[in-house]
Amino acid sequence: MSFILHPIDIVDHISPEDFAANYLTPRRPLIIKGLTHNWPALQKWTPGYLKQVVGDKIVPLYDNSKADPAKPINSAAAEMPFDAYIDLIMSEPTELRIFFFNIFKQAPQLLNDIAFPKDLMGGFIESMPSMFFGGSDSVTFLHYDIDLPHIFHTHFGGKKQVILFENKWKRRLYCIPNATYALEDYDVLRPDFKKFPALEGVEGTEAFLEHGDTLFMPTGYWHWMKYVEGGYSLSLRAWDASLSRKAASVYNLAIKGGLDSALKIAFKANYARYRENLAVKRAHKELAAGKPF
């Protein structure tokens, strides 16, 4: 058994008016296949070219380990020269991935190869474009982004599977209190409903990205990603126009970032157990109440 997953809307192109009315304002995900049709990156960013411009810079690598509530999130599992890592992901399966890499610090000329989709919306954080790389066995665990941006996520190379959930489901997903990830990195494709009964009935969206496809992921969306084949993706981030959403972003960064890290250091395993128990109680309370409806 699995979650109730609906297909994502897919368009080749979209007008600003259609995008605002049907996706940005109601916060619905979308794949835009033609958004990158005039980007030089679409043809230029081959594995060989990226190796050439970044070279042998040592990069931290992450594996498929679940998020441990007692430890700092996103702790690196290994390190490797960038060019050797690209050879690895393009030649064989591996769990190792690069997370939130600002490749433009290493090769600022790459910025000339992309374009922020300002015709669709404003608020882009132009100082924060970032890239993600993975081999065919690598998975990004289920989470949502702490700063609550809208994200335009463009994929290069082989196919990538994405599963999305609206933030209204976060307690049913066993969200850890004061965190942006779940109680365990359970198998999103085959969840254990006996162990996690609140997951049954949760609805999400499934998408498959191919070379040049751009996923619009609205603010607060939970996302799980699997590299079906070795590849890499670019994320462009934009603020939501509402002041309440910006305030929520600041709150998240202060409470779920700073305060939570301090409590982990101070109370270690006791704090982790407390949060795990509270996540279960909240999930089962939501299930009993029939929420989020």
C-alpha atoms as a PDB file:
ATOM      1  CA  MET A   1       0.000   0.000   0.000  1.00  0.00           C
ATOM      2  CA  SER A   2       1.071   3.577  -0.572  1.00  0.00           C
ATOM      3  CA  PHE A   3      -0.060   7.138  -0.093  1.00  0.00           C
ATOM      4  CA  ILE A   4      -2.907   8.474  -2.229  1.00  0.00           C
ATOM      5  CA  LEU A   5      -0.833  10.114  -4.951  1.00  0.00           C
ATOM      6  CA  HIS A   6      -2.298  12.297  -7.697  1.00  0.00           C
ATOM      7  CA  PRO A   7      -0.539  13.192 -10.965  1.00  0.00           C
ATOM      8  CA  ILE A   8       0.929  16.666 -11.267  1.00  0.00           C
ATOM      9  CA  ASP A   9      -0.244  19.216 -13.820  1.00  0.00           C
ATOM     10  CA  ILE A  10       2.210  19.558 -16.738  1.00  0.00           C
ATOM     11  CA  VAL A  11       2.400  22.417 -19.264  1.00  0.00           C
ATOM     12  CA  ASP A  12       4.861  23.358 -21.983  1.00  0.00           C
ATOM     13  CA  HIS A  13       4.431  27.089 -21.364  1.00  0.00           C
ATOM     14  CA  ILE A  14       2.173  29.222 -19.167  1.00  0.00           C
ATOM     15  CA  SER A  15       1.150  32.872 -19.046  1.00  0.00           C
ATOM     16  CA  PRO A  16       1.805  34.945 -15.920  1.00  0.00           C
ATOM     17  CA  GLU A  17      -1.948  35.371 -15.452  1.00  0.00           C
ATOM     18  CA  ASP A  18      -2.663  31.627 -15.675  1.00  0.00           C
ATOM     19  CA  PHE A  19       0.277  30.817 -13.401  1.00  0.00           C
ATOM     20  CA  ALA A  20      -0.825  33.324 -10.737  1.00  0.00           C
ATOM     21  CA  ALA A  21      -4.492  32.301 -10.799  1.00  0.00           C
ATOM     22  CA  ASN A  22      -4.102  28.525 -10.921  1.00  0.00           C
ATOM     23  CA  TYR A  23      -0.779  27.748  -9.215  1.00  0.00           C
ATOM     24  CA  LEU A  24       0.914  30.618  -7.348  1.00  0.00           C
ATOM     25  CA  THR A  25      -2.102  31.990  -5.458  1.00  0.00           C
ATOM     26  CA  PRO A  26      -3.713  28.599  -4.619  1.00  0.00           C
ATOM     27  CA  ARG A  27      -0.231  27.118  -4.017  1.00  0.00           C
ATOM     28  CA  ARG A  28      -0.475  24.173  -6.372  1.00  0.00           C
ATOM     29  CA  PRO A  29       2.598  22.416  -7.815  1.00  0.00           C
ATOM     30  CA  LEU A  30       3.257  22.388 -11.545  1.00  0.00           C
ATOM     31  CA  ILE A  31       5.809  21.112 -14.071  1.00  0.00           C
ATOM     32  CA  ILE A  32       6.747  23.617 -16.802  1.00  0.00           C
ATOM     33  CA  LYS A  33       8.590  21.780 -19.550  1.00  0.00           C
ATOM     34  CA  GLY A  34       9.477  24.781 -21.699  1.00  0.00           C
ATOM     35  CA  LEU A  35      10.643  27.243 -19.050  1.00  0.00           C
ATOM     36  CA  THR A  36      14.304  26.525 -19.846  1.00  0.00           C
ATOM     37  CA  HIS A  37      14.033  26.322 -23.637  1.00  0.00           C
ATOM     38  CA  ASN A  38      16.255  29.402 -24.095  1.00  0.00           C
ATOM     39  CA  TRP A  39      18.729  28.652 -21.295  1.00  0.00           C
ATOM     40  CA  PRO A  40      22.295  28.003 -22.509  1.00  0.00           C
ATOM     41  CA  ALA A  41      22.581  25.633 -19.516  1.00  0.00           C
ATOM     42  CA  LEU A  42      20.179  23.193 -21.147  1.00  0.00           C
ATOM     43  CA  GLN A  43      22.802  22.112 -23.675  1.00  0.00           C
ATOM     44  CA  LYS A  44      25.947  23.437 -22.030  1.00  0.00           C
ATOM     45  CA  TRP A  45      25.835  21.908 -18.546  1.00  0.00           C
ATOM     46  CA  THR A  46      27.097  18.455 -19.399  1.00  0.00           C
ATOM     47  CA  PRO A  47      28.909  16.403 -16.719  1.00  0.00           C
ATOM     48  CA  GLY A  48      32.181  17.077 -18.511  1.00  0.00           C
ATOM     49  CA  TYR A  49      31.616  20.835 -18.585  1.00  0.00           C
ATOM     50  CA  LEU A  50      30.741  21.024 -14.882  1.00  0.00           C
ATOM     51  CA  LYS A  51      33.859  19.001 -14.061  1.00  0.00           C
ATOM     52  CA  GLN A  52      35.898  21.444 -16.106  1.00  0.00           C
ATOM     53  CA  VAL A  53      34.605  24.611 -14.397  1.00  0.00           C
ATOM     54  CA  VAL A  54      34.517  23.304 -10.796  1.00  0.00           C
ATOM     55  CA  GLY A  55      37.480  20.932 -10.911  1.00  0.00           C
ATOM     56  CA  ASP A  56      38.716  18.974  -7.919  1.00  0.00           C
ATOM     57  CA  LYS A  57      37.176  21.081  -5.156  1.00  0.00           C
ATOM     58  CA  ILE A  58      36.416  18.868  -2.147  1.00  0.00           C
ATOM     59  CA  VAL A  59      32.654  18.667  -1.564  1.00  0.00           C
ATOM     60  CA  PRO A  60      30.655  17.159   1.342  1.00  0.00           C
ATOM     61  CA  LEU A  61      28.468  14.184   0.429  1.00  0.00           C
ATOM     62  CA  TYR A  62      25.291  12.882   2.045  1.00  0.00           C
ATOM     63  CA  ASP A  63      23.744   9.408   2.065  1.00  0.00           C
ATOM     64  CA  ASN A  64      20.230   8.018   2.529  1.00  0.00           C
ATOM     65  CA  SER A  65      20.385   7.909   6.322  1.00  0.00           C
ATOM     66  CA  LYS A  66      17.183   8.955   8.024  1.00  0.00           C
ATOM     67  CA  ALA A  67      17.042  12.236   9.884  1.00  0.00           C
ATOM     68  CA  ASP A  68      18.158  11.620  13.474  1.00  0.00           C
ATOM     69  CA  PRO A  69      16.250  13.945  15.854  1.00  0.00           C
ATOM     70  CA  ALA A  70      19.173  13.839  18.318  1.00  0.00           C
ATOM     71  CA  LYS A  71      21.767  15.054  15.796  1.00  0.00           C
ATOM     72  CA  PRO A  72      22.265  18.101  13.577  1.00  0.00           C
ATOM     73  CA  ILE A  73      20.356  17.735  10.337  1.00  0.00           C
ATOM     74  CA  ASN A  74      22.260  17.365   7.072  1.00  0.00           C
ATOM     75  CA  SER A  75      25.481  15.977   8.547  1.00  0.00           C
ATOM     76  CA  ALA A  76      27.885  14.905   5.795  1.00  0.00           C
ATOM     77  CA  ALA A  77      28.693  11.196   5.421  1.00  0.00           C
ATOM     78  CA  ALA A  78      31.834  11.598   3.284  1.00  0.00           C
ATOM     79  CA  GLU A  79      33.918  13.981   1.164  1.00  0.00           C
ATOM     80  CA  MET A  80      35.268  13.690  -2.383  1.00  0.00           C
ATOM     81  CA  PRO A  81      36.734  15.869  -5.145  1.00  0.00           C
ATOM     82  CA  PHE A  82      33.874  17.242  -7.247  1.00  0.00           C
ATOM     83  CA  ASP A  83      35.186  15.894 -10.554  1.00  0.00           C
ATOM     84  CA  ALA A  84      35.598  12.383  -9.117  1.00  0.00           C
ATOM     85  CA  TYR A  85      32.083  12.556  -7.681  1.00  0.00           C
ATOM     86  CA  ILE A  86      30.596  13.454 -11.073  1.00  0.00           C
ATOM     87  CA  ASP A  87      32.374  10.442 -12.588  1.00  0.00           C
ATOM     88  CA  LEU A  88      30.878   8.274  -9.824  1.00  0.00           C
ATOM     89  CA  ILE A  89      27.232   9.305 -10.237  1.00  0.00           C
ATOM     90  CA  MET A  90      27.361   9.081 -14.024  1.00  0.00           C
ATOM     91  CA  SER A  91      28.917   5.610 -14.061  1.00  0.00           C
ATOM     92  CA  GLU A  92      27.322   3.581 -11.259  1.00  0.00           C
ATOM     93  CA  PRO A  93      24.589   3.588  -8.580  1.00  0.00           C
ATOM     94  CA  THR A  94      25.411   5.348  -5.327  1.00  0.00           C
ATOM     95  CA  GLU A  95      23.541   6.806  -2.370  1.00  0.00           C
ATOM     96  CA  LEU A  96      25.940   9.732  -2.169  1.00  0.00           C
ATOM     97  CA  ARG A  97      24.540  13.124  -3.107  1.00  0.00           C
ATOM     98  CA  ILE A  98      25.544  16.773  -2.903  1.00  0.00           C
ATOM     99  CA  PHE A  99      23.135  18.933  -0.946  1.00  0.00           C
ATOM    100  CA  PHE A 100      22.543  22.678  -1.432  1.00  0.00           C
ATOM    101  CA  PHE A 101      25.798  23.359  -3.297  1.00  0.00           C
ATOM    102  CA  ASN A 102      26.435  26.987  -4.317  1.00  0.00           C
ATOM    103  CA  ILE A 103      28.276  26.063  -7.491  1.00  0.00           C
ATOM    104  CA  PHE A 104      28.215  29.702  -8.585  1.00  0.00           C
ATOM    105  CA  LYS A 105      30.800  30.652  -5.981  1.00  0.00           C
ATOM    106  CA  GLN A 106      33.178  28.237  -7.687  1.00  0.00           C
ATOM    107  CA  ALA A 107      32.129  29.117 -11.240  1.00  0.00           C
ATOM    108  CA  PRO A 108      30.257  32.471 -11.337  1.00  0.00           C
ATOM    109  CA  GLN A 109      30.147  32.350 -15.142  1.00  0.00           C
ATOM    110  CA  LEU A 110      27.437  29.691 -14.850  1.00  0.00           C
ATOM    111  CA  LEU A 111      24.973  32.418 -13.848  1.00  0.00           C
ATOM    112  CA  ASN A 112      25.070  33.584 -17.469  1.00  0.00           C
ATOM    113  CA  ASP A 113      23.560  30.243 -18.516  1.00  0.00           C
ATOM    114  CA  ILE A 114      20.263  30.525 -16.585  1.00  0.00           C
ATOM    115  CA  ALA A 115      17.408  33.014 -16.211  1.00  0.00           C
ATOM    116  CA  PHE A 116      15.185  33.709 -13.218  1.00  0.00           C
ATOM    117  CA  PRO A 117      11.520  33.394 -14.352  1.00  0.00           C
ATOM    118  CA  LYS A 118      10.635  36.944 -13.328  1.00  0.00           C
ATOM    119  CA  ASP A 119       7.891  37.066 -15.936  1.00  0.00           C
ATOM    120  CA  LEU A 120       5.943  34.607 -13.768  1.00  0.00           C
ATOM    121  CA  MET A 121       6.500  36.147 -10.324  1.00  0.00           C
ATOM    122  CA  GLY A 122       8.725  38.427  -8.274  1.00  0.00           C
ATOM    123  CA  GLY A 123      10.574  37.970  -5.011  1.00  0.00           C
ATOM    124  CA  PHE A 124      13.486  35.858  -6.255  1.00  0.00           C
ATOM    125  CA  ILE A 125      16.451  35.538  -3.911  1.00  0.00           C
ATOM    126  CA  GLU A 126      19.110  36.029  -6.549  1.00  0.00           C
ATOM    127  CA  SER A 127      21.964  35.412  -4.105  1.00  0.00           C
ATOM    128  CA  MET A 128      20.756  31.877  -3.338  1.00  0.00           C
ATOM    129  CA  PRO A 129      20.634  29.719  -6.479  1.00  0.00           C
ATOM    130  CA  SER A 130      21.858  26.270  -5.493  1.00  0.00           C
ATOM    131  CA  MET A 131      22.427  22.842  -6.978  1.00  0.00           C
ATOM    132  CA  PHE A 132      21.777  19.279  -5.908  1.00  0.00           C
ATOM    133  CA  PHE A 133      23.501  16.177  -7.316  1.00  0.00           C
ATOM    134  CA  GLY A 134      22.734  12.488  -6.862  1.00  0.00           C
ATOM    135  CA  GLY A 135      23.429   8.977  -8.090  1.00  0.00           C
ATOM    136  CA  SER A 136      20.764   6.491  -9.082  1.00  0.00           C
ATOM    137  CA  ASP A 137      20.398   5.108  -5.536  1.00  0.00           C
ATOM    138  CA  SER A 138      20.256   8.454  -3.738  1.00  0.00           C
ATOM    139  CA  VAL A 139      17.160   9.763  -1.964  1.00  0.00           C
ATOM    140  CA  THR A 140      16.387  13.091  -0.332  1.00  0.00           C
ATOM    141  CA  PHE A 141      14.417  12.353   2.840  1.00  0.00           C
ATOM    142  CA  LEU A 142      10.927  13.792   3.313  1.00  0.00           C
ATOM    143  CA  HIS A 143      11.016  17.394   4.579  1.00  0.00           C
ATOM    144  CA  TYR A 144       9.991  20.954   3.839  1.00  0.00           C
ATOM    145  CA  ASP A 145      12.306  23.948   3.547  1.00  0.00           C
ATOM    146  CA  ILE A 146      12.710  25.865   6.782  1.00  0.00           C
ATOM    147  CA  ASP A 147      12.629  29.327   5.174  1.00  0.00           C
ATOM    148  CA  LEU A 148       9.348  28.608   3.335  1.00  0.00           C
ATOM    149  CA  PRO A 149      10.274  29.822  -0.172  1.00  0.00           C
ATOM    150  CA  HIS A 150       8.576  29.111  -3.452  1.00  0.00           C
ATOM    151  CA  ILE A 151      11.016  26.958  -5.440  1.00  0.00           C
ATOM    152  CA  PHE A 152      11.580  26.530  -9.180  1.00  0.00           C
ATOM    153  CA  HIS A 153      13.486  23.241  -9.354  1.00  0.00           C
ATOM    154  CA  THR A 154      15.003  22.487 -12.780  1.00  0.00           C
ATOM    155  CA  HIS A 155      16.462  19.059 -13.476  1.00  0.00           C
ATOM    156  CA  PHE A 156      19.371  18.094 -15.744  1.00  0.00           C
ATOM    157  CA  GLY A 157      20.355  14.611 -16.858  1.00  0.00           C
ATOM    158  CA  GLY A 158      18.469  11.428 -16.002  1.00  0.00           C
ATOM    159  CA  LYS A 159      14.975  11.032 -14.577  1.00  0.00           C
ATOM    160  CA  LYS A 160      14.080  12.121 -11.029  1.00  0.00           C
ATOM    161  CA  GLN A 161      11.006  11.096  -9.023  1.00  0.00           C
ATOM    162  CA  VAL A 162       9.364  13.611  -6.689  1.00  0.00           C
ATOM    163  CA  ILE A 163       6.541  13.146  -4.174  1.00  0.00           C
ATOM    164  CA  LEU A 164       4.933  16.240  -2.642  1.00  0.00           C
ATOM    165  CA  PHE A 165       2.546  16.870   0.259  1.00  0.00           C
ATOM    166  CA  GLU A 166       0.807  20.067   1.285  1.00  0.00           C
ATOM    167  CA  ASN A 167       1.967  21.434   4.633  1.00  0.00           C
ATOM    168  CA  LYS A 168      -1.535  20.931   6.063  1.00  0.00           C
ATOM    169  CA  TRP A 169      -0.626  17.218   6.367  1.00  0.00           C
ATOM    170  CA  LYS A 170       2.499  17.809   8.460  1.00  0.00           C
ATOM    171  CA  ARG A 171       1.152  16.344  11.727  1.00  0.00           C
ATOM    172  CA  ARG A 172      -0.254  13.291   9.928  1.00  0.00           C
ATOM    173  CA  LEU A 173       3.233  12.883   8.421  1.00  0.00           C
ATOM    174  CA  TYR A 174       4.629  12.618  11.976  1.00  0.00           C
ATOM    175  CA  CYS A 175       6.437  15.940  11.772  1.00  0.00           C
ATOM    176  CA  ILE A 176       8.997  16.328  14.561  1.00  0.00           C
ATOM    177  CA  PRO A 177       8.046  19.339  16.732  1.00  0.00           C
ATOM    178  CA  ASN A 178      10.286  22.362  16.081  1.00  0.00           C
ATOM    179  CA  ALA A 179      11.673  20.633  12.975  1.00  0.00           C
ATOM    180  CA  THR A 180      10.926  20.382   9.267  1.00  0.00           C
ATOM    181  CA  TYR A 181      11.183  16.603   8.837  1.00  0.00           C
ATOM    182  CA  ALA A 182       9.303  13.512   9.946  1.00  0.00           C
ATOM    183  CA  LEU A 183       9.615  11.142  12.904  1.00  0.00           C
ATOM    184  CA  GLU A 184      11.448   8.628  10.737  1.00  0.00           C
ATOM    185  CA  ASP A 185      12.484   8.617   7.152  1.00  0.00           C
ATOM    186  CA  TYR A 186       9.894   5.915   6.473  1.00  0.00           C
ATOM    187  CA  ASP A 187       9.603   4.362   3.057  1.00  0.00           C
ATOM    188  CA  VAL A 188       7.590   7.006   1.221  1.00  0.00           C
ATOM    189  CA  LEU A 189       6.863   4.611  -1.657  1.00  0.00           C
ATOM    190  CA  ARG A 190       5.679   1.795   0.657  1.00  0.00           C
ATOM    191  CA  PRO A 191       4.789   3.283   4.074  1.00  0.00           C
ATOM    192  CA  ASP A 192       4.105   0.943   6.990  1.00  0.00           C
ATOM    193  CA  PHE A 193       0.538   1.877   7.942  1.00  0.00           C
ATOM    194  CA  LYS A 194       0.561  -0.477  10.935  1.00  0.00           C
ATOM    195  CA  LYS A 195       3.543   1.309  12.452  1.00  0.00           C
ATOM    196  CA  PHE A 196       2.412   4.747  11.265  1.00  0.00           C
ATOM    197  CA  PRO A 197      -1.420   4.589  11.072  1.00  0.00           C
ATOM    198  CA  ALA A 198      -1.820   8.363  10.634  1.00  0.00           C
ATOM    199  CA  LEU A 199      -0.171   8.089   7.203  1.00  0.00           C
ATOM    200  CA  GLU A 200      -3.079   6.141   5.739  1.00  0.00           C
ATOM    201  CA  GLY A 201      -5.314   8.435   3.717  1.00  0.00           C
ATOM    202  CA  VAL A 202      -2.732  11.194   3.347  1.00  0.00           C
ATOM    203  CA  GLU A 203      -2.899  12.639  -0.171  1.00  0.00           C
ATOM    204  CA  GLY A 204       0.039  13.877  -2.191  1.00  0.00           C
ATOM    205  CA  THR A 205       1.273  14.613  -5.687  1.00  0.00           C
ATOM    206  CA  GLU A 206       3.712  12.523  -7.728  1.00  0.00           C
ATOM    207  CA  ALA A 207       5.960  13.923 -10.445  1.00  0.00           C
ATOM    208  CA  PHE A 208       8.760  12.675 -12.684  1.00  0.00           C
ATOM    209  CA  LEU A 209      11.290  15.203 -13.923  1.00  0.00           C
ATOM    210  CA  GLU A 210      13.337  14.779 -17.092  1.00  0.00           C
ATOM    211  CA  HIS A 211      16.129  16.884 -18.583  1.00  0.00           C
ATOM    212  CA  GLY A 212      15.079  20.546 -18.706  1.00  0.00           C
ATOM    213  CA  ASP A 213      11.827  20.144 -16.761  1.00  0.00           C
ATOM    214  CA  THR A 214      11.094  22.738 -14.068  1.00  0.00           C
ATOM    215  CA  LEU A 215       9.019  21.885 -11.011  1.00  0.00           C
ATOM    216  CA  PHE A 216       7.225  24.762  -9.307  1.00  0.00           C
ATOM    217  CA  MET A 217       7.070  23.764  -5.643  1.00  0.00           C
ATOM    218  CA  PRO A 218       4.956  26.199  -3.590  1.00  0.00           C
ATOM    219  CA  THR A 219       5.962  27.488  -0.184  1.00  0.00           C
ATOM    220  CA  GLY A 220       5.788  24.972   2.647  1.00  0.00           C
ATOM    221  CA  TYR A 221       5.407  21.861   0.488  1.00  0.00           C
ATOM    222  CA  TRP A 222       6.907  18.666   1.885  1.00  0.00           C
ATOM    223  CA  HIS A 223       9.062  16.907  -0.711  1.00  0.00           C
ATOM    224  CA  TRP A 224      10.764  13.549  -1.144  1.00  0.00           C
ATOM    225  CA  MET A 225      13.056  13.010  -4.122  1.00  0.00           C
ATOM    226  CA  LYS A 226      14.721   9.987  -5.684  1.00  0.00           C
ATOM    227  CA  TYR A 227      17.291  10.048  -8.466  1.00  0.00           C
ATOM    228  CA  VAL A 228      16.101   7.320 -10.823  1.00  0.00           C
ATOM    229  CA  GLU A 229      19.279   7.956 -12.807  1.00  0.00           C
ATOM    230  CA  GLY A 230      22.380   9.986 -11.986  1.00  0.00           C
ATOM    231  CA  GLY A 231      21.770  13.697 -12.481  1.00  0.00           C
ATOM    232  CA  TYR A 232      21.632  17.156 -10.967  1.00  0.00           C
ATOM    233  CA  SER A 233      19.126  19.930 -10.335  1.00  0.00           C
ATOM    234  CA  LEU A 234      19.067  23.692  -9.865  1.00  0.00           C
ATOM    235  CA  SER A 235      16.790  25.408  -7.338  1.00  0.00           C
ATOM    236  CA  LEU A 236      15.769  29.064  -7.652  1.00  0.00           C
ATOM    237  CA  ARG A 237      14.062  30.418  -4.540  1.00  0.00           C
ATOM    238  CA  ALA A 238      11.517  33.242  -4.182  1.00  0.00           C
ATOM    239  CA  TRP A 239       9.721  34.809  -1.238  1.00  0.00           C
ATOM    240  CA  ASP A 240       5.955  34.587  -0.990  1.00  0.00           C
ATOM    241  CA  ALA A 241       4.337  38.015  -1.324  1.00  0.00           C
ATOM    242  CA  SER A 242       2.369  37.772   1.931  1.00  0.00           C
ATOM    243  CA  LEU A 243       3.792  39.390   5.070  1.00  0.00           C
ATOM    244  CA  SER A 244       2.448  36.528   7.195  1.00  0.00           C
ATOM    245  CA  ARG A 245       4.479  34.008   5.203  1.00  0.00           C
ATOM    246  CA  LYS A 246       7.619  36.107   5.543  1.00  0.00           C
ATOM    247  CA  ALA A 247       7.011  36.344   9.292  1.00  0.00           C
ATOM    248  CA  ALA A 248       6.588  32.562   9.443  1.00  0.00           C
ATOM    249  CA  SER A 249       9.916  32.180   7.641  1.00  0.00           C
ATOM    250  CA  VAL A 250      11.700  34.338  10.214  1.00  0.00           C
ATOM    251  CA  TYR A 251      10.016  32.417  13.042  1.00  0.00           C
ATOM    252  CA  ASN A 252      11.081  29.075  11.543  1.00  0.00           C
ATOM    253  CA  LEU A 253      14.684  30.173  11.176  1.00  0.00           C
ATOM    254  CA  ALA A 254      14.789  31.408  14.779  1.00  0.00           C
ATOM    255  CA  ILE A 255      12.819  28.632  16.536  1.00  0.00           C
ATOM    256  CA  LYS A 256      13.299  25.568  14.322  1.00  0.00           C
ATOM    257  CA  GLY A 257      16.847  26.600  13.589  1.00  0.00           C
ATOM    258  CA  GLY A 258      18.548  28.379  16.458  1.00  0.00           C
ATOM    259  CA  LEU A 259      16.490  27.343  19.493  1.00  0.00           C
ATOM    260  CA  ASP A 260      16.071  23.750  18.363  1.00  0.00           C
ATOM    261  CA  SER A 261      19.826  23.343  17.838  1.00  0.00           C
ATOM    262  CA  ALA A 262      20.494  24.739  21.317  1.00  0.00           C
ATOM    263  CA  LEU A 263      18.021  22.306  22.912  1.00  0.00           C
ATOM    264  CA  LYS A 264      19.599  19.364  21.072  1.00  0.00           C
ATOM    265  CA  ILE A 265      22.996  20.310  22.466  1.00  0.00           C
ATOM    266  CA  ALA A 266      21.666  20.814  25.979  1.00  0.00           C
ATOM    267  CA  PHE A 267      19.357  17.810  26.382  1.00  0.00           C
ATOM    268  CA  LYS A 268      20.516  15.368  23.674  1.00  0.00           C
ATOM    269  CA  ALA A 269      18.664  12.000  23.763  1.00  0.00           C
ATOM    270  CA  ASN A 270      16.045  13.132  26.298  1.00  0.00           C
ATOM    271  CA  TYR A 271      14.966  15.971  24.025  1.00  0.00           C
ATOM    272  CA  ALA A 272      14.902  13.611  21.029  1.00  0.00           C
ATOM    273  CA  ARG A 273      12.651  11.117  22.846  1.00  0.00           C
ATOM    274  CA  TYR A 274      10.326  13.898  23.993  1.00  0.00           C
ATOM    275  CA  ARG A 275       9.904  15.178  20.445  1.00  0.00           C
ATOM    276  CA  GLU A 276       9.373  11.691  19.012  1.00  0.00           C
ATOM    277  CA  ASN A 277       6.629  10.942  21.555  1.00  0.00           C
ATOM    278  CA  LEU A 278       4.968  14.288  20.889  1.00  0.00           C
ATOM    279  CA  ALA A 279       5.058  13.692  17.120  1.00  0.00           C
ATOM    280  CA  VAL A 280       3.213  10.377  17.583  1.00  0.00           C
ATOM    281  CA  LYS A 281       0.611  11.903  19.919  1.00  0.00           C
ATOM    282  CA  ARG A 282      -0.074  14.770  17.529  1.00  0.00           C
ATOM    283  CA  ALA A 283      -0.325  12.475  14.504  1.00  0.00           C
ATOM    284  CA  HIS A 284      -2.788  10.139  16.162  1.00  0.00           C
ATOM    285  CA  LYS A 285      -4.844  13.029  17.533  1.00  0.00           C
ATOM    286  CA  GLU A 286      -5.144  14.458  14.002  1.00  0.00           C
ATOM    287  CA  LEU A 287      -6.113  11.028  12.664  1.00  0.00           C
ATOM    288  CA  ALA A 288      -8.814  10.570  15.327  1.00  0.00           C
ATOM    289  CA  ALA A 289     -10.211  14.013  14.539  1.00  0.00           C
ATOM    290  CA  GLY A 290     -10.237  13.334  10.809  1.00  0.00           C
ATOM    291  CA  LYS A 291      -7.924  16.264  10.129  1.00  0.00           C
ATOM    292  CA  PRO A 292      -6.621  18.127   8.167  1.00  0.00           C
ATOM    293  CA  PHE A 293     -10.117  18.362   6.702  1.00  0.00           C
END
